[in-house]
Amino acid sequence: WAAMRDVRFTFLQRFATEDRVVDDSIVTFEIARAGYWPWPVDAKIEMRLVHIFEMRDGKISRELVFDMGRPVR
């Protein structure tokens, strides 16, 4: 989080079953620190972020993350 500022989430869809939890959102932020992201400091980014958690016995057994970011300037 230290490499980002002005972070905002727009939640598109969240749902859960006994075996799976899915969180789909769009995140916007500005790059605050060089070295972590492939974009320059101060770039404004919009990113589709999808987390899929596989559940076993009420606990997360696996996490899959898909992120697709792009500059918006």
N, C-alpha and C. Protein backbone atom coordinates (compact mmCIF):
# COMPACT_ATOMS: atom_id res chain seq x y z
N TRP A 1 0.82 -1.20 0.00
CA TRP A 1 0.00 0.00 0.00
C TRP A 1 0.85 1.26 0.00
N ALA A 2 2.08 1.18 0.44
CA ALA A 2 2.93 2.37 0.49
C ALA A 2 3.27 2.90 -0.91
N ALA A 3 3.16 2.06 -1.93
CA ALA A 3 3.47 2.48 -3.30
C ALA A 3 2.27 3.10 -4.01
N MET A 4 1.13 3.22 -3.28
CA MET A 4 -0.10 3.74 -3.87
C MET A 4 -0.66 4.87 -3.01
N ARG A 5 -1.40 5.77 -3.65
CA ARG A 5 -2.12 6.80 -2.89
C ARG A 5 -3.46 7.06 -3.58
N ASP A 6 -4.35 7.65 -2.84
CA ASP A 6 -5.70 7.97 -3.34
C ASP A 6 -6.37 6.72 -3.91
N VAL A 7 -6.34 5.65 -3.13
CA VAL A 7 -6.88 4.36 -3.57
C VAL A 7 -8.40 4.35 -3.38
N ARG A 8 -9.11 3.95 -4.43
CA ARG A 8 -10.58 3.87 -4.37
C ARG A 8 -11.04 2.57 -5.02
N PHE A 9 -11.96 1.91 -4.35
CA PHE A 9 -12.52 0.66 -4.86
C PHE A 9 -13.96 0.88 -5.30
N THR A 10 -14.30 0.32 -6.44
CA THR A 10 -15.68 0.23 -6.89
C THR A 10 -15.97 -1.26 -6.97
N PHE A 11 -16.83 -1.74 -6.09
CA PHE A 11 -17.13 -3.16 -6.03
C PHE A 11 -18.18 -3.50 -7.08
N LEU A 12 -17.85 -4.43 -7.95
CA LEU A 12 -18.73 -4.84 -9.03
C LEU A 12 -19.59 -6.04 -8.65
N GLN A 13 -18.94 -7.03 -8.01
CA GLN A 13 -19.67 -8.24 -7.67
C GLN A 13 -18.92 -8.99 -6.57
N ARG A 14 -19.67 -9.44 -5.61
CA ARG A 14 -19.12 -10.30 -4.57
C ARG A 14 -20.13 -11.40 -4.31
N PHE A 15 -19.64 -12.61 -4.23
CA PHE A 15 -20.53 -13.69 -3.84
C PHE A 15 -19.73 -14.82 -3.21
N ALA A 16 -20.43 -15.62 -2.47
CA ALA A 16 -19.77 -16.72 -1.76
C ALA A 16 -20.65 -17.95 -1.77
N THR A 17 -20.00 -19.09 -1.86
CA THR A 17 -20.63 -20.37 -1.64
C THR A 17 -19.80 -21.08 -0.58
N GLU A 18 -20.15 -22.28 -0.26
CA GLU A 18 -19.38 -23.02 0.73
C GLU A 18 -17.96 -23.29 0.25
N ASP A 19 -17.79 -23.41 -1.08
CA ASP A 19 -16.49 -23.78 -1.66
C ASP A 19 -15.69 -22.62 -2.24
N ARG A 20 -16.34 -21.47 -2.46
CA ARG A 20 -15.67 -20.41 -3.21
C ARG A 20 -16.20 -19.03 -2.82
N VAL A 21 -15.29 -18.05 -2.79
CA VAL A 21 -15.64 -16.64 -2.62
C VAL A 21 -15.02 -15.88 -3.78
N VAL A 22 -15.81 -15.02 -4.43
CA VAL A 22 -15.33 -14.23 -5.55
C VAL A 22 -15.55 -12.75 -5.24
N ASP A 23 -14.51 -11.96 -5.45
CA ASP A 23 -14.57 -10.51 -5.26
C ASP A 23 -14.06 -9.87 -6.54
N ASP A 24 -14.93 -9.14 -7.23
CA ASP A 24 -14.60 -8.49 -8.50
C ASP A 24 -14.77 -6.99 -8.32
N SER A 25 -13.73 -6.22 -8.58
CA SER A 25 -13.79 -4.78 -8.37
C SER A 25 -12.90 -4.03 -9.35
N ILE A 26 -13.11 -2.73 -9.40
CA ILE A 26 -12.23 -1.83 -10.13
C ILE A 26 -11.56 -0.93 -9.09
N VAL A 27 -10.24 -0.85 -9.17
CA VAL A 27 -9.47 -0.04 -8.24
C VAL A 27 -8.81 1.08 -9.02
N THR A 28 -8.91 2.29 -8.51
CA THR A 28 -8.17 3.41 -9.09
C THR A 28 -7.21 3.93 -8.03
N PHE A 29 -6.04 4.36 -8.49
CA PHE A 29 -5.03 4.87 -7.56
C PHE A 29 -3.97 5.64 -8.33
N GLU A 30 -3.12 6.33 -7.59
CA GLU A 30 -1.94 6.99 -8.16
C GLU A 30 -0.70 6.28 -7.64
N ILE A 31 0.31 6.20 -8.49
CA ILE A 31 1.59 5.61 -8.10
C ILE A 31 2.30 6.59 -7.18
N ALA A 32 2.66 6.14 -5.98
CA ALA A 32 3.29 7.01 -4.99
C ALA A 32 4.78 6.75 -4.84
N ARG A 33 5.24 5.57 -5.27
CA ARG A 33 6.64 5.21 -5.07
C ARG A 33 7.11 4.35 -6.23
N ALA A 34 8.29 4.63 -6.72
CA ALA A 34 8.87 3.85 -7.83
C ALA A 34 9.34 2.49 -7.33
N GLY A 35 9.40 1.54 -8.26
CA GLY A 35 9.99 0.25 -7.95
C GLY A 35 9.03 -0.90 -7.84
N TYR A 36 7.76 -0.64 -7.59
CA TYR A 36 6.81 -1.75 -7.45
C TYR A 36 5.96 -1.92 -8.70
N TRP A 37 5.46 -0.83 -9.24
CA TRP A 37 4.59 -0.85 -10.41
C TRP A 37 5.39 -0.56 -11.67
N PRO A 38 4.91 -1.00 -12.83
CA PRO A 38 5.63 -0.72 -14.09
C PRO A 38 5.36 0.66 -14.67
N TRP A 39 4.69 1.52 -13.90
CA TRP A 39 4.36 2.86 -14.38
C TRP A 39 5.10 3.90 -13.54
N PRO A 40 5.26 5.11 -14.06
CA PRO A 40 6.01 6.14 -13.33
C PRO A 40 5.23 6.70 -12.13
N VAL A 41 5.97 7.26 -11.19
CA VAL A 41 5.37 7.93 -10.04
C VAL A 41 4.41 9.01 -10.54
N ASP A 42 3.28 9.16 -9.87
CA ASP A 42 2.19 10.10 -10.16
C ASP A 42 1.25 9.63 -11.28
N ALA A 43 1.54 8.49 -11.91
CA ALA A 43 0.61 7.98 -12.93
C ALA A 43 -0.70 7.59 -12.26
N LYS A 44 -1.82 7.89 -12.91
CA LYS A 44 -3.14 7.47 -12.44
C LYS A 44 -3.48 6.15 -13.11
N ILE A 45 -3.88 5.18 -12.30
CA ILE A 45 -4.09 3.82 -12.78
C ILE A 45 -5.51 3.37 -12.50
N GLU A 46 -6.08 2.64 -13.45
CA GLU A 46 -7.36 1.96 -13.24
C GLU A 46 -7.08 0.47 -13.42
N MET A 47 -7.53 -0.32 -12.47
CA MET A 47 -7.21 -1.74 -12.49
C MET A 47 -8.44 -2.58 -12.18
N ARG A 48 -8.73 -3.53 -13.03
CA ARG A 48 -9.75 -4.54 -12.73
C ARG A 48 -9.08 -5.57 -11.86
N LEU A 49 -9.66 -5.87 -10.73
CA LEU A 49 -9.05 -6.76 -9.75
C LEU A 49 -10.06 -7.84 -9.36
N VAL A 50 -9.69 -9.09 -9.60
CA VAL A 50 -10.57 -10.22 -9.28
C VAL A 50 -9.81 -11.17 -8.35
N HIS A 51 -10.41 -11.44 -7.21
CA HIS A 51 -9.89 -12.45 -6.28
C HIS A 51 -10.86 -13.61 -6.25
N ILE A 52 -10.32 -14.81 -6.33
CA ILE A 52 -11.11 -16.02 -6.17
C ILE A 52 -10.48 -16.82 -5.04
N PHE A 53 -11.24 -17.03 -4.00
CA PHE A 53 -10.76 -17.80 -2.86
C PHE A 53 -11.44 -19.16 -2.87
N GLU A 54 -10.65 -20.22 -2.91
CA GLU A 54 -11.18 -21.56 -2.75
C GLU A 54 -11.20 -21.88 -1.27
N MET A 55 -12.30 -22.42 -0.80
CA MET A 55 -12.51 -22.64 0.63
C MET A 55 -12.52 -24.14 0.95
N ARG A 56 -11.98 -24.47 2.10
CA ARG A 56 -12.03 -25.84 2.60
C ARG A 56 -12.19 -25.77 4.12
N ASP A 57 -13.22 -26.39 4.62
CA ASP A 57 -13.50 -26.40 6.07
C ASP A 57 -13.58 -24.99 6.64
N GLY A 58 -14.17 -24.07 5.87
CA GLY A 58 -14.37 -22.70 6.34
C GLY A 58 -13.13 -21.82 6.30
N LYS A 59 -12.05 -22.30 5.71
CA LYS A 59 -10.80 -21.53 5.62
C LYS A 59 -10.36 -21.43 4.17
N ILE A 60 -9.60 -20.39 3.87
CA ILE A 60 -9.06 -20.21 2.52
C ILE A 60 -8.01 -21.29 2.27
N SER A 61 -8.21 -22.07 1.23
CA SER A 61 -7.22 -23.10 0.88
C SER A 61 -6.38 -22.69 -0.32
N ARG A 62 -6.90 -21.74 -1.11
CA ARG A 62 -6.16 -21.26 -2.28
C ARG A 62 -6.71 -19.90 -2.68
N GLU A 63 -5.82 -19.02 -3.12
CA GLU A 63 -6.23 -17.70 -3.59
C GLU A 63 -5.70 -17.50 -5.00
N LEU A 64 -6.59 -17.09 -5.90
CA LEU A 64 -6.21 -16.73 -7.26
C LEU A 64 -6.49 -15.24 -7.44
N VAL A 65 -5.54 -14.53 -8.02
CA VAL A 65 -5.68 -13.08 -8.21
C VAL A 65 -5.43 -12.76 -9.68
N PHE A 66 -6.33 -12.00 -10.24
CA PHE A 66 -6.16 -11.51 -11.61
C PHE A 66 -6.26 -10.00 -11.56
N ASP A 67 -5.22 -9.32 -12.05
CA ASP A 67 -5.29 -7.85 -12.11
C ASP A 67 -4.88 -7.39 -13.49
N MET A 68 -5.64 -6.45 -13.98
CA MET A 68 -5.41 -5.89 -15.31
C MET A 68 -5.43 -4.37 -15.19
N GLY A 69 -4.25 -3.78 -15.06
CA GLY A 69 -4.16 -2.35 -14.86
C GLY A 69 -3.72 -1.61 -16.10
N ARG A 70 -4.10 -0.33 -16.13
CA ARG A 70 -3.68 0.53 -17.24
C ARG A 70 -3.69 1.97 -16.76
N PRO A 71 -2.80 2.79 -17.30
CA PRO A 71 -2.83 4.22 -16.98
C PRO A 71 -4.10 4.85 -17.58
N VAL A 72 -4.63 5.86 -16.90
CA VAL A 72 -5.86 6.50 -17.36
C VAL A 72 -5.66 7.95 -17.78
N ARG A 73 -4.45 8.42 -17.83
CA ARG A 73 -4.20 9.82 -18.26
C ARG A 73 -4.28 9.94 -19.74
